[in-house]
N, C-alpha and C. Protein backbone atom coordinates (compact mmCIF):
# COMPACT_ATOMS: atom_id res chain seq x y z
N UNK A 1 15.53 34.01 -4.20
CA UNK A 1 13.65 34.36 -4.93
C UNK A 1 13.28 32.93 -5.03
N UNK A 2 11.88 32.57 -4.84
CA UNK A 2 10.83 31.84 -4.19
C UNK A 2 10.36 30.96 -5.35
N UNK A 3 10.84 29.66 -5.41
CA UNK A 3 10.06 29.20 -6.51
C UNK A 3 8.55 28.88 -7.47
N UNK A 4 8.84 29.59 -8.59
CA UNK A 4 7.22 29.65 -9.13
C UNK A 4 6.21 28.55 -9.05
N UNK A 5 6.98 27.17 -9.32
CA UNK A 5 5.78 26.24 -8.84
C UNK A 5 6.19 24.94 -8.30
N UNK A 6 6.32 23.63 -8.32
CA UNK A 6 6.32 22.09 -8.55
C UNK A 6 5.24 21.46 -8.58
N UNK A 7 5.54 20.73 -9.89
CA UNK A 7 4.55 19.19 -9.67
C UNK A 7 4.29 17.95 -8.67
N UNK A 8 3.19 18.11 -7.62
CA UNK A 8 2.76 17.46 -6.60
C UNK A 8 2.49 15.64 -7.46
N UNK A 9 1.54 15.90 -8.64
CA UNK A 9 1.22 15.11 -8.48
C UNK A 9 0.66 14.21 -10.21
N UNK A 10 1.03 13.30 -11.21
CA UNK A 10 0.42 14.03 -12.82
C UNK A 10 -0.14 12.40 -12.65
N UNK A 11 -1.15 12.53 -13.74
CA UNK A 11 -1.46 11.63 -14.36
C UNK A 11 -2.44 11.46 -15.62
N UNK A 12 -3.41 10.43 -16.06
CA UNK A 12 -3.89 10.89 -17.49
C UNK A 12 -4.68 11.60 -17.53
N UNK A 13 -5.25 12.16 -16.35
CA UNK A 13 -6.38 13.36 -16.40
C UNK A 13 -6.00 14.26 -15.83
N UNK A 14 -4.83 14.46 -14.92
CA UNK A 14 -4.94 15.85 -14.25
C UNK A 14 -3.52 15.86 -13.85
N UNK A 15 -2.98 17.45 -13.54
CA UNK A 15 -1.58 17.32 -12.66
C UNK A 15 -2.32 18.08 -11.49
N UNK A 16 -1.56 18.35 -10.41
CA UNK A 16 -2.19 18.85 -9.19
C UNK A 16 -0.32 19.56 -8.74
N UNK A 17 -0.41 20.95 -8.90
CA UNK A 17 0.52 21.54 -9.00
C UNK A 17 0.59 22.35 -7.35
N UNK A 18 1.71 22.50 -6.93
CA UNK A 18 2.09 23.11 -5.75
C UNK A 18 2.35 24.71 -5.51
N UNK A 19 1.65 25.48 -5.94
CA UNK A 19 2.01 27.06 -6.74
C UNK A 19 2.81 27.71 -5.87
N UNK A 20 3.64 28.55 -6.28
CA UNK A 20 4.48 29.35 -5.29
C UNK A 20 3.69 30.82 -5.16
N UNK A 21 4.21 31.76 -4.22
CA UNK A 21 3.34 33.01 -4.20
C UNK A 21 4.14 33.79 -5.05
N UNK A 22 3.18 34.57 -5.29
CA UNK A 22 3.43 36.42 -6.61
C UNK A 22 3.71 35.74 -7.74
N UNK A 23 3.11 34.83 -8.40
CA UNK A 23 3.39 34.29 -9.50
C UNK A 23 1.63 34.44 -10.18
N UNK A 24 0.66 35.05 -10.92
CA UNK A 24 -0.21 34.78 -11.48
C UNK A 24 -0.65 33.34 -12.13
N UNK A 25 -2.00 33.53 -12.11
CA UNK A 25 -2.36 32.14 -13.59
C UNK A 25 -2.22 32.42 -14.86
N UNK A 26 -2.27 33.55 -15.46
CA UNK A 26 -1.75 33.89 -16.89
C UNK A 26 -1.43 34.58 -17.26
N UNK A 27 -0.24 35.13 -18.48
CA UNK A 27 0.50 36.23 -18.71
C UNK A 27 -0.18 37.27 -18.43
N UNK A 28 1.90 37.93 -18.39
CA UNK A 28 0.87 39.81 -17.70
C UNK A 28 1.59 40.16 -17.92
N UNK A 29 1.39 41.48 -18.56
CA UNK A 29 2.84 42.31 -19.37
C UNK A 29 4.42 41.27 -20.02
N UNK A 30 3.96 40.99 -20.73
CA UNK A 30 4.71 40.07 -21.46
C UNK A 30 5.43 39.32 -20.56
N UNK A 31 4.76 38.84 -19.41
CA UNK A 31 5.71 37.61 -18.57
C UNK A 31 4.71 36.74 -18.64
N UNK A 32 5.42 35.26 -18.70
CA UNK A 32 4.32 33.56 -18.53
C UNK A 32 3.32 33.70 -16.88
N UNK A 33 2.49 33.28 -17.56
CA UNK A 33 1.29 33.34 -15.54
C UNK A 33 1.83 31.61 -15.79
N UNK A 34 1.34 30.87 -14.63
CA UNK A 34 1.71 29.85 -13.95
C UNK A 34 1.05 28.35 -15.13
N UNK A 35 -0.25 28.60 -16.18
CA UNK A 35 -0.53 27.77 -16.55
C UNK A 35 0.26 27.82 -17.86
N UNK A 36 1.39 29.00 -18.62
CA UNK A 36 1.62 28.90 -19.62
C UNK A 36 3.28 27.66 -19.22
N UNK A 37 3.73 28.25 -18.28
CA UNK A 37 5.27 27.76 -18.14
C UNK A 37 4.69 26.43 -17.71
N UNK A 38 3.72 25.66 -16.91
CA UNK A 38 3.35 24.39 -16.70
C UNK A 38 3.04 23.84 -18.32
N UNK A 39 2.47 24.74 -19.00
CA UNK A 39 2.28 24.04 -20.09
C UNK A 39 3.57 23.96 -21.07
N UNK A 40 4.42 24.47 -20.97
CA UNK A 40 5.68 24.74 -21.58
C UNK A 40 6.60 23.19 -21.28
N UNK A 41 6.50 23.06 -19.62
CA UNK A 41 6.85 22.16 -19.38
C UNK A 41 6.52 20.12 -19.84
N UNK A 42 5.78 20.67 -19.71
CA UNK A 42 4.58 19.09 -20.02
C UNK A 42 4.42 18.63 -21.70
N UNK A 43 4.43 20.12 -22.22
CA UNK A 43 3.71 19.68 -23.29
C UNK A 43 2.36 19.63 -23.53
N UNK A 44 1.50 19.69 -22.79
CA UNK A 44 0.73 19.41 -22.31
C UNK A 44 -1.23 20.27 -22.63
N UNK A 45 -2.29 19.94 -23.03
CA UNK A 45 -2.63 21.32 -23.66
C UNK A 45 -3.26 21.38 -22.24
N UNK A 46 -2.95 21.58 -21.10
CA UNK A 46 -3.73 21.69 -19.90
C UNK A 46 -4.87 22.95 -19.38
N UNK A 47 -5.61 22.43 -19.10
CA UNK A 47 -6.78 23.54 -18.77
C UNK A 47 -7.19 23.72 -17.01
N UNK A 48 -6.99 25.02 -16.59
CA UNK A 48 -6.92 24.89 -15.71
C UNK A 48 -8.37 25.29 -14.56
N UNK A 49 -8.82 24.09 -13.70
CA UNK A 49 -9.92 23.63 -13.06
C UNK A 49 -10.51 24.85 -11.88
N UNK A 50 -10.14 25.64 -11.60
CA UNK A 50 -9.74 26.27 -10.66
C UNK A 50 -8.83 27.83 -10.19
N UNK A 51 -9.05 28.56 -9.67
CA UNK A 51 -7.99 29.79 -9.78
C UNK A 51 -7.51 29.99 -8.44
N UNK A 52 -6.31 30.17 -8.39
CA UNK A 52 -5.63 30.86 -7.39
C UNK A 52 -4.67 32.63 -7.29
N UNK A 53 -5.19 33.16 -6.47
CA UNK A 53 -4.82 34.79 -6.82
C UNK A 53 -3.24 34.44 -6.76
N UNK A 54 -2.45 35.66 -7.03
CA UNK A 54 -1.12 35.83 -7.26
C UNK A 54 -0.67 35.85 -6.31
N UNK A 55 -0.90 36.32 -4.85
CA UNK A 55 -0.19 36.14 -3.45
C UNK A 55 -0.55 34.91 -2.87
N UNK A 56 -1.53 34.00 -3.19
CA UNK A 56 -1.08 33.02 -3.01
C UNK A 56 -0.68 31.36 -2.63
N UNK A 57 -0.11 31.02 -2.10
CA UNK A 57 0.45 29.24 -2.40
C UNK A 57 -0.10 28.06 -2.13
N UNK A 58 -0.20 27.13 -3.38
CA UNK A 58 -0.88 26.17 -2.72
C UNK A 58 -0.93 24.95 -3.62
N UNK A 59 -2.27 23.96 -3.75
CA UNK A 59 -2.56 23.17 -4.63
C UNK A 59 -3.63 24.09 -5.73
N UNK A 60 -3.05 23.41 -6.81
CA UNK A 60 -4.39 23.79 -7.91
C UNK A 60 -4.02 22.69 -8.98
N UNK A 61 -5.50 22.83 -9.42
CA UNK A 61 -5.47 21.46 -10.19
C UNK A 61 -5.67 22.14 -11.33
N UNK A 62 -5.32 21.41 -12.57
CA UNK A 62 -4.77 21.35 -14.08
C UNK A 62 -5.46 20.48 -14.77
N UNK A 63 -6.56 20.04 -15.33
CA UNK A 63 -6.81 19.23 -16.26
C UNK A 63 -6.05 19.05 -17.17
N UNK A 64 -5.73 17.58 -17.53
CA UNK A 64 -5.22 17.95 -19.12
C UNK A 64 -6.07 17.07 -20.87
N UNK A 65 -7.12 16.49 -20.23
CA UNK A 65 -8.20 16.97 -21.12
C UNK A 65 -9.22 17.08 -21.32
N UNK A 66 -10.20 17.44 -22.13
CA UNK A 66 -11.19 18.31 -22.18
C UNK A 66 -12.44 17.29 -21.33
N UNK A 67 -12.85 16.43 -21.31
CA UNK A 67 -13.09 15.46 -20.49
C UNK A 67 -12.89 15.36 -19.26
N UNK A 68 -11.78 15.95 -18.72
CA UNK A 68 -11.40 15.42 -17.67
C UNK A 68 -11.74 17.15 -16.77
N UNK A 69 -11.67 18.56 -17.50
CA UNK A 69 -11.78 19.44 -17.63
C UNK A 69 -13.66 19.28 -17.07
N UNK A 70 -14.22 18.59 -17.38
CA UNK A 70 -15.49 19.11 -17.75
C UNK A 70 -15.99 18.40 -15.98
N UNK A 71 -15.35 17.31 -16.28
CA UNK A 71 -16.17 16.66 -14.54
C UNK A 71 -15.60 17.31 -13.95
N UNK A 72 -13.83 17.39 -13.29
CA UNK A 72 -13.48 18.33 -12.22
C UNK A 72 -14.37 19.35 -12.33
N UNK A 73 -14.22 20.26 -13.43
CA UNK A 73 -15.37 21.79 -13.00
C UNK A 73 -16.47 21.84 -12.17
N UNK A 74 -17.35 20.64 -12.82
CA UNK A 74 -18.82 20.37 -12.16
C UNK A 74 -18.65 20.05 -11.10
N UNK A 75 -17.78 19.60 -10.69
CA UNK A 75 -17.28 19.11 -9.16
C UNK A 75 -17.06 20.44 -8.38
N UNK A 76 -16.58 21.33 -9.12
CA UNK A 76 -16.05 22.77 -8.49
C UNK A 76 -17.49 23.54 -8.47
N UNK A 77 -18.24 23.49 -9.09
CA UNK A 77 -19.33 23.92 -9.52
C UNK A 77 -20.44 24.05 -8.62
N UNK A 78 -20.66 22.14 -8.42
CA UNK A 78 -21.50 21.59 -7.42
C UNK A 78 -20.94 21.47 -6.12
N UNK A 79 -19.96 21.83 -5.59
CA UNK A 79 -19.18 21.99 -4.13
C UNK A 79 -19.14 21.38 -3.53
N UNK A 80 -18.56 19.84 -4.59
CA UNK A 80 -18.55 18.52 -4.27
C UNK A 80 -16.61 18.61 -4.05
N UNK A 81 -16.03 19.32 -4.31
CA UNK A 81 -14.65 19.67 -3.97
C UNK A 81 -13.90 20.08 -2.51
N UNK A 82 -13.58 19.69 -2.09
CA UNK A 82 -13.22 19.66 -0.45
C UNK A 82 -12.12 20.89 -0.55
N UNK A 83 -11.99 21.73 -0.49
CA UNK A 83 -10.79 22.69 0.07
C UNK A 83 -10.48 23.54 1.21
N UNK A 84 -9.42 23.40 2.00
CA UNK A 84 -8.69 23.96 2.89
C UNK A 84 -7.46 25.08 2.72
N UNK A 85 -7.44 26.46 3.83
CA UNK A 85 -6.81 27.07 3.18
C UNK A 85 -5.97 27.55 4.71
N UNK A 86 -4.76 27.41 4.38
CA UNK A 86 -4.08 27.73 5.83
C UNK A 86 -3.33 29.55 5.48
N UNK A 87 -3.64 30.66 6.71
CA UNK A 87 -3.77 31.77 6.13
C UNK A 87 -2.69 32.42 7.89
N UNK A 88 -2.29 33.34 7.60
CA UNK A 88 -1.55 33.54 9.11
C UNK A 88 -1.72 35.12 9.10
N UNK A 89 -1.88 35.58 10.67
CA UNK A 89 -2.75 37.17 10.71
C UNK A 89 -1.63 37.34 11.80
N UNK A 90 -1.08 38.80 11.80
CA UNK A 90 -0.33 39.09 13.18
C UNK A 90 -1.68 39.93 14.55
N UNK A 91 -2.52 40.33 13.99
CA UNK A 91 -3.66 40.83 14.69
C UNK A 91 -3.82 39.71 15.63
N UNK A 92 -5.22 40.72 16.45
CA UNK A 92 -5.92 39.55 17.65
C UNK A 92 -7.27 39.75 16.95
N UNK A 93 -7.90 38.72 16.48
CA UNK A 93 -9.52 38.56 16.13
C UNK A 93 -10.13 38.96 16.92
N UNK A 94 -11.76 39.65 15.52
CA UNK A 94 -12.94 39.60 16.93
C UNK A 94 -13.62 38.14 17.14
N UNK A 95 -13.28 37.11 16.36
CA UNK A 95 -13.79 35.64 16.99
C UNK A 95 -12.48 35.00 16.45
N UNK A 96 -12.68 33.79 17.28
CA UNK A 96 -11.21 32.64 16.70
C UNK A 96 -11.61 31.04 16.02
N UNK A 97 -13.16 31.43 15.54
CA UNK A 97 -13.89 30.85 15.10
C UNK A 97 -15.39 31.20 14.36
N UNK A 98 -15.86 30.05 13.54
CA UNK A 98 -17.15 30.32 12.99
C UNK A 98 -17.55 30.77 11.63
N UNK A 99 -18.47 31.17 11.39
CA UNK A 99 -19.01 31.32 10.00
C UNK A 99 -18.36 32.94 9.74
N UNK A 100 -18.34 33.12 8.49
CA UNK A 100 -17.54 34.65 8.56
C UNK A 100 -19.26 34.53 6.65
N UNK A 101 -19.99 34.89 6.72
CA UNK A 101 -21.24 35.22 5.45
C UNK A 101 -21.83 36.61 5.63
N UNK A 102 -21.34 36.97 3.69
CA UNK A 102 -21.98 38.22 3.49
C UNK A 102 -22.02 38.71 1.62
N UNK A 103 -22.40 39.54 1.62
CA UNK A 103 -22.52 39.63 -0.35
C UNK A 103 -21.13 40.22 -0.06
N UNK A 104 -20.81 39.92 -1.75
CA UNK A 104 -18.82 40.91 -2.08
C UNK A 104 -19.25 41.80 -3.03
N UNK A 105 -19.81 42.93 -2.30
CA UNK A 105 -19.16 44.28 -2.98
C UNK A 105 -17.88 44.80 -4.18
N UNK A 106 -18.30 45.22 -4.81
CA UNK A 106 -16.90 45.89 -5.36
C UNK A 106 -16.05 46.99 -4.73
N UNK A 107 -15.23 47.13 -4.25
CA UNK A 107 -14.70 48.44 -3.61
C UNK A 107 -13.93 49.49 -4.60
N UNK A 108 -12.91 50.32 -3.95
CA UNK A 108 -12.03 50.54 -4.85
C UNK A 108 -10.70 50.30 -5.68
N UNK A 109 -10.25 50.13 -6.74
CA UNK A 109 -8.96 49.93 -7.16
C UNK A 109 -8.60 48.49 -7.16
N UNK A 110 -9.97 47.60 -7.44
CA UNK A 110 -10.13 46.34 -7.96
C UNK A 110 -9.95 45.68 -6.29
N UNK A 111 -10.32 46.16 -5.14
CA UNK A 111 -10.78 45.67 -4.08
C UNK A 111 -12.11 45.42 -4.29
N UNK A 112 -12.34 44.35 -2.55
CA UNK A 112 -13.80 43.81 -2.85
C UNK A 112 -14.09 44.54 -1.13
N UNK A 113 -15.31 44.44 -0.55
CA UNK A 113 -15.84 44.49 0.63
C UNK A 113 -17.07 43.89 1.08
N UNK A 114 -16.95 42.83 1.86
CA UNK A 114 -18.25 42.68 2.38
C UNK A 114 -19.56 42.92 3.48
N UNK A 115 -20.27 42.71 2.61
CA UNK A 115 -21.44 43.59 2.75
C UNK A 115 -22.03 42.44 3.99
N UNK A 116 -23.42 42.74 4.73
CA UNK A 116 -24.19 42.39 5.72
C UNK A 116 -25.42 41.74 4.67
N UNK A 117 -25.69 42.02 3.49
CA UNK A 117 -26.75 41.62 3.10
C UNK A 117 -26.73 40.12 2.67
N UNK A 118 -27.24 38.88 2.45
CA UNK A 118 -27.02 37.75 2.07
C UNK A 118 -27.92 37.29 0.86
N UNK A 119 -27.83 38.38 -0.01
CA UNK A 119 -28.64 37.38 -1.36
C UNK A 119 -27.87 36.70 -2.04
N UNK A 120 -26.41 37.10 -2.36
CA UNK A 120 -25.81 35.63 -2.64
C UNK A 120 -24.65 36.00 -2.16
N UNK A 121 -24.73 35.30 -0.83
CA UNK A 121 -23.00 35.77 -0.10
C UNK A 121 -21.57 34.99 -0.75
N UNK A 122 -20.85 35.25 -0.01
CA UNK A 122 -19.97 34.13 0.03
C UNK A 122 -19.98 33.99 1.53
N UNK A 123 -19.65 32.43 1.48
CA UNK A 123 -19.52 31.62 2.26
C UNK A 123 -18.32 31.05 2.99
N UNK A 124 -17.80 31.72 4.34
CA UNK A 124 -16.68 30.34 4.70
C UNK A 124 -16.33 30.24 6.35
N UNK A 125 -15.76 29.36 6.28
CA UNK A 125 -16.27 28.69 7.75
C UNK A 125 -14.66 28.97 8.34
N UNK A 126 -14.40 28.95 9.53
CA UNK A 126 -12.56 28.88 9.41
C UNK A 126 -12.61 28.41 11.06
N UNK A 127 -11.38 28.01 11.86
CA UNK A 127 -10.80 28.27 13.42
C UNK A 127 -9.53 28.66 13.29
N UNK A 128 -8.81 28.25 14.78
CA UNK A 128 -7.61 28.95 14.41
C UNK A 128 -7.07 27.87 16.04
N UNK A 129 -5.65 29.04 15.60
CA UNK A 129 -4.81 28.76 17.06
C UNK A 129 -3.97 29.36 16.77
N UNK A 130 -3.09 29.76 18.31
CA UNK A 130 -1.68 30.53 18.50
C UNK A 130 -0.60 29.42 17.95
N UNK A 131 0.15 30.59 17.36
CA UNK A 131 1.69 30.56 16.63
C UNK A 131 2.21 30.54 17.67
N UNK A 132 2.80 31.89 17.97
CA UNK A 132 3.51 32.22 19.21
C UNK A 132 2.52 33.57 19.42
N UNK A 133 3.54 33.88 20.56
CA UNK A 133 2.60 35.14 20.87
C UNK A 133 2.30 36.59 19.43
N UNK A 134 1.80 37.38 19.31
CA UNK A 134 1.41 37.63 18.34
C UNK A 134 1.48 36.98 16.76
N UNK A 135 1.11 35.54 17.25
CA UNK A 135 1.27 35.21 15.47
C UNK A 135 -0.07 34.40 15.60
N UNK A 136 -0.62 33.85 14.81
CA UNK A 136 -2.00 32.96 14.71
C UNK A 136 -2.28 32.81 13.49
N UNK A 137 -2.65 31.36 13.59
CA UNK A 137 -2.64 29.96 12.42
C UNK A 137 -4.31 30.16 12.09
N UNK A 138 -4.71 30.32 10.68
CA UNK A 138 -5.94 30.26 10.25
C UNK A 138 -6.49 28.93 9.81
N UNK A 139 -7.44 28.52 9.78
CA UNK A 139 -7.42 27.14 8.93
C UNK A 139 -8.95 27.52 8.02
N UNK A 140 -9.59 27.98 6.70
CA UNK A 140 -10.19 28.63 6.59
C UNK A 140 -11.02 27.72 5.26
N UNK A 141 -12.43 27.23 5.47
CA UNK A 141 -12.82 26.18 4.18
C UNK A 141 -13.92 26.50 3.91
N UNK A 142 -13.61 27.79 2.56
CA UNK A 142 -14.91 28.40 1.61
C UNK A 142 -15.71 27.71 1.91
N UNK A 143 -16.74 27.64 1.10
CA UNK A 143 -18.00 27.02 0.83
C UNK A 143 -18.75 27.43 -0.78
N UNK A 144 -18.28 28.79 -1.00
CA UNK A 144 -18.28 29.61 -2.10
C UNK A 144 -16.60 29.68 -3.03
N UNK A 145 -16.70 30.42 -3.85
CA UNK A 145 -15.82 30.66 -4.98
C UNK A 145 -15.78 31.97 -5.61
N UNK A 146 -15.82 32.64 -4.04
CA UNK A 146 -16.03 34.26 -5.06
C UNK A 146 -14.54 35.15 -4.51
N UNK A 147 -14.22 35.95 -5.98
CA UNK A 147 -12.92 36.74 -5.70
C UNK A 147 -12.55 36.90 -4.75
N UNK A 148 -11.13 36.84 -4.49
CA UNK A 148 -10.93 37.42 -2.60
C UNK A 148 -11.34 36.70 -1.82
N UNK A 149 -12.72 36.44 -1.99
CA UNK A 149 -13.47 35.82 -0.71
C UNK A 149 -12.93 35.49 0.62
N UNK A 150 -11.75 34.54 1.00
CA UNK A 150 -10.31 34.80 1.95
C UNK A 150 -10.71 35.72 2.49
N UNK A 151 -9.51 36.74 1.59
CA UNK A 151 -8.71 37.30 1.74
C UNK A 151 -9.69 38.87 3.32
N UNK A 152 -11.01 38.91 2.02
CA UNK A 152 -12.33 39.93 2.32
C UNK A 152 -12.33 39.15 4.41
N UNK A 153 -12.41 37.74 3.75
CA UNK A 153 -13.35 37.52 5.41
C UNK A 153 -12.71 37.82 6.63
N UNK A 154 -11.25 37.99 6.16
CA UNK A 154 -10.11 37.76 6.90
C UNK A 154 -10.14 38.98 7.53
N UNK A 155 -10.58 39.94 6.75
CA UNK A 155 -9.96 41.40 7.08
C UNK A 155 -11.85 41.53 7.96
N UNK A 156 -12.26 41.36 7.51
CA UNK A 156 -14.31 41.51 7.95
C UNK A 156 -13.70 40.87 9.71
N UNK A 157 -13.12 39.78 10.09
CA UNK A 157 -12.78 39.60 11.89
C UNK A 157 -11.82 40.11 11.80
N UNK A 158 -11.54 41.66 11.86
CA UNK A 158 -10.21 42.24 11.88
C UNK A 158 -9.13 41.65 11.86
N UNK A 159 -8.48 40.64 10.99
CA UNK A 159 -7.07 39.57 11.50
C UNK A 159 -7.33 39.43 9.65
N UNK A 160 -6.83 41.01 9.35
CA UNK A 160 -6.06 41.00 7.64
C UNK A 160 -4.61 39.94 7.37
N UNK A 161 -4.67 39.32 6.13
CA UNK A 161 -3.97 38.31 6.07
C UNK A 161 -2.73 38.84 6.27
N UNK A 162 -1.43 38.27 7.08
CA UNK A 162 -0.25 39.13 6.87
C UNK A 162 1.03 39.00 5.70
N UNK A 163 0.86 40.06 5.54
CA UNK A 163 1.59 40.80 3.76
C UNK A 163 0.98 40.97 3.18
N UNK A 164 -0.78 40.42 2.92
CA UNK A 164 -1.64 41.12 1.84
C UNK A 164 -2.44 42.60 2.37
N UNK A 165 -1.36 43.60 2.62
CA UNK A 165 -1.37 45.00 2.45
C UNK A 165 -2.66 45.20 1.14
N UNK A 166 -3.05 45.14 0.75
CA UNK A 166 -3.99 45.23 -0.32
C UNK A 166 -5.28 45.32 0.72
N UNK A 167 -5.73 44.73 1.49
CA UNK A 167 -6.56 44.79 2.74
C UNK A 167 -6.05 44.69 4.34
N UNK A 168 -5.63 45.67 4.10
CA UNK A 168 -4.78 46.18 5.90
C UNK A 168 -3.82 45.01 6.27
N UNK A 169 -3.28 44.13 5.70
CA UNK A 169 -2.50 43.27 6.21
C UNK A 169 -0.88 44.32 6.65
N UNK A 170 -0.18 43.60 7.67
CA UNK A 170 1.30 44.32 7.79
C UNK A 170 1.93 43.74 6.15
N UNK A 171 2.87 44.35 6.21
CA UNK A 171 4.06 43.97 5.22
C UNK A 171 4.54 42.95 5.80
N UNK A 172 5.15 42.61 4.73
CA UNK A 172 6.14 40.67 4.60
C UNK A 172 6.54 40.51 3.56
N UNK A 173 7.41 39.74 4.03
CA UNK A 173 7.65 38.50 2.97
C UNK A 173 7.40 38.33 1.47
N UNK A 174 5.36 38.03 1.94
CA UNK A 174 4.88 37.75 1.30
C UNK A 174 3.43 37.54 1.85
N UNK A 175 2.04 37.97 0.68
CA UNK A 175 0.72 36.95 1.44
C UNK A 175 0.97 35.45 1.87
N UNK A 176 0.55 36.14 3.43
CA UNK A 176 0.45 34.50 4.17
C UNK A 176 -0.98 33.83 4.20
N UNK A 177 -1.50 33.12 2.41
CA UNK A 177 -2.48 32.66 2.68
C UNK A 177 -1.84 31.26 1.30
N UNK A 178 -2.25 29.87 1.78
CA UNK A 178 -1.72 28.69 1.38
C UNK A 178 -3.15 27.94 1.28
N UNK A 179 -3.29 27.50 -0.21
CA UNK A 179 -4.15 26.31 -0.71
C UNK A 179 -3.87 24.91 0.11
N UNK A 180 -4.39 24.41 0.96
CA UNK A 180 -3.64 23.41 1.79
C UNK A 180 -3.69 21.53 1.32
N UNK A 181 -5.12 22.08 1.57
CA UNK A 181 -5.87 20.70 1.78
C UNK A 181 -7.00 20.67 0.47
N UNK A 182 -6.83 18.99 -0.69
CA UNK A 182 -7.58 19.87 -1.78
C UNK A 182 -8.51 18.01 -1.52
N UNK A 183 -9.46 18.01 -1.69
CA UNK A 183 -10.12 16.23 -1.64
C UNK A 183 -11.32 16.45 -2.70
N UNK A 184 -11.12 15.56 -3.44
CA UNK A 184 -12.03 15.43 -4.82
C UNK A 184 -12.22 14.33 -5.38
N UNK A 185 -13.42 14.10 -5.58
CA UNK A 185 -13.79 12.46 -6.74
C UNK A 185 -13.63 12.40 -8.06
N UNK A 186 -13.27 11.80 -9.00
CA UNK A 186 -12.74 11.69 -10.61
C UNK A 186 -13.29 10.82 -10.73
N UNK A 187 -14.22 10.57 -11.40
CA UNK A 187 -15.00 9.24 -11.52
C UNK A 187 -15.11 7.94 -11.36
N UNK A 188 -15.18 8.29 -9.51
CA UNK A 188 -15.31 7.40 -8.84
C UNK A 188 -13.66 6.83 -7.68
N UNK A 189 -12.71 8.01 -8.53
CA UNK A 189 -11.90 7.68 -7.58
C UNK A 189 -11.26 8.69 -7.00
N UNK A 190 -11.24 8.82 -5.30
CA UNK A 190 -10.97 9.44 -4.07
C UNK A 190 -9.49 10.02 -4.18
N UNK A 191 -9.72 11.22 -4.42
CA UNK A 191 -8.13 11.59 -4.41
C UNK A 191 -8.02 12.97 -3.35
N UNK A 192 -7.32 13.32 -2.46
CA UNK A 192 -7.09 13.58 -1.38
C UNK A 192 -5.14 14.35 -1.21
N UNK A 193 -5.13 15.69 -1.49
CA UNK A 193 -3.70 15.98 -1.28
C UNK A 193 -3.81 17.16 -0.20
N UNK A 194 -2.37 17.34 0.74
CA UNK A 194 -2.24 18.64 1.57
C UNK A 194 -0.99 18.66 1.97
N UNK A 195 -0.01 19.23 0.97
CA UNK A 195 0.94 19.68 0.93
C UNK A 195 1.25 20.70 2.33
N UNK A 196 1.76 20.76 3.17
CA UNK A 196 2.65 21.99 4.71
C UNK A 196 2.77 23.22 3.67
N UNK A 197 2.44 24.22 4.07
CA UNK A 197 3.43 25.60 3.11
C UNK A 197 5.02 25.74 3.99
N UNK A 198 5.54 25.72 3.28
CA UNK A 198 6.74 26.37 3.63
C UNK A 198 7.75 26.92 2.62
N UNK A 199 7.19 27.86 2.07
CA UNK A 199 7.37 29.34 1.27
C UNK A 199 7.37 30.14 1.86
N UNK A 200 7.87 31.13 2.64
CA UNK A 200 8.47 32.63 3.38
C UNK A 200 8.95 32.47 4.55
N UNK A 201 9.19 33.32 4.98
CA UNK A 201 10.17 33.26 7.02
C UNK A 201 8.68 32.78 7.88
N UNK A 202 7.23 33.40 7.74
CA UNK A 202 6.48 32.97 8.74
C UNK A 202 5.60 31.17 8.78
N UNK A 203 6.10 30.80 7.52
CA UNK A 203 5.59 29.39 7.18
C UNK A 203 6.51 28.55 7.55
N UNK A 204 7.80 29.06 7.99
CA UNK A 204 8.69 27.88 8.39
C UNK A 204 9.42 27.47 9.93
N UNK A 205 8.92 28.26 10.82
CA UNK A 205 9.39 28.21 12.11
C UNK A 205 8.47 26.92 12.61
N UNK A 206 9.20 25.84 13.34
CA UNK A 206 9.05 24.67 13.77
C UNK A 206 7.70 24.89 14.78
N UNK A 207 7.06 25.55 15.10
CA UNK A 207 6.04 25.99 16.09
C UNK A 207 5.40 26.48 14.76
N UNK A 208 4.86 26.54 12.89
CA UNK A 208 4.19 26.13 12.40
C UNK A 208 3.68 25.33 12.79
N UNK A 209 4.23 23.64 12.22
CA UNK A 209 3.93 22.49 11.75
C UNK A 209 3.51 22.06 13.27
N UNK A 210 3.75 22.76 14.70
CA UNK A 210 2.92 22.11 15.27
C UNK A 210 1.37 23.25 15.67
N UNK A 211 1.35 24.16 15.73
CA UNK A 211 0.23 24.53 15.10
C UNK A 211 -0.91 23.47 13.95
N UNK A 212 -0.25 23.69 13.17
CA UNK A 212 -0.93 22.66 11.97
C UNK A 212 -1.30 21.62 12.69
N UNK A 213 -0.95 20.85 13.56
CA UNK A 213 -1.02 19.38 14.20
C UNK A 213 -2.34 19.44 15.00
N UNK A 214 -2.38 20.99 15.21
CA UNK A 214 -3.37 20.86 16.50
C UNK A 214 -4.79 21.64 16.37
N UNK A 215 -4.75 21.55 15.31
CA UNK A 215 -6.37 21.57 13.88
C UNK A 215 -7.29 20.54 13.96
N UNK A 216 -7.99 20.27 13.52
CA UNK A 216 -8.74 19.03 14.01
C UNK A 216 -8.85 18.42 12.44
N UNK A 217 -8.56 17.25 12.01
CA UNK A 217 -8.98 16.85 10.53
C UNK A 217 -10.70 18.00 9.87
């Protein structure tokens, strides 16, 4: 069973969590969500500054005080926080790097679609590199924060995320999307976190570390 989370960094203002795949942010069906679990462990009244999908692993920022929550939330709202994600796909993409832009429209059963219109578009930039034959690593830099944005973006280039069956991905032991890098400033102090993904069969071979190293900073 994959771990639900680990605390990477903690100070008086915030916690940085490395979230495991398969756990939601909030309580569901009588099961405690990630925020409740971390609150219970730390005894802190934590405030989630942003969110990750249930299948997504990686960096999650939780504020420890209302003041820090306001400051950090403003950074996200003003797009002053730099986020990078890693994803795997076993499909051949329509393009290997570039921009993905389009309005998000609701589809069936809670899924979303990427439209060609640009009224309030979801915007992502990505590049990629091969891991091995039949498997490619993608680095995604979302410029907006729409629901399922990266998952829909990957589907739109013909490379749905491995394990993301909702959006046409091949079945796997998990959905292979990882919040990899988070860089932000709080009251003049810069912070950067970059934990490599290590949960899931396809995230553990040595070829993956080599592929990550090939991606430009």
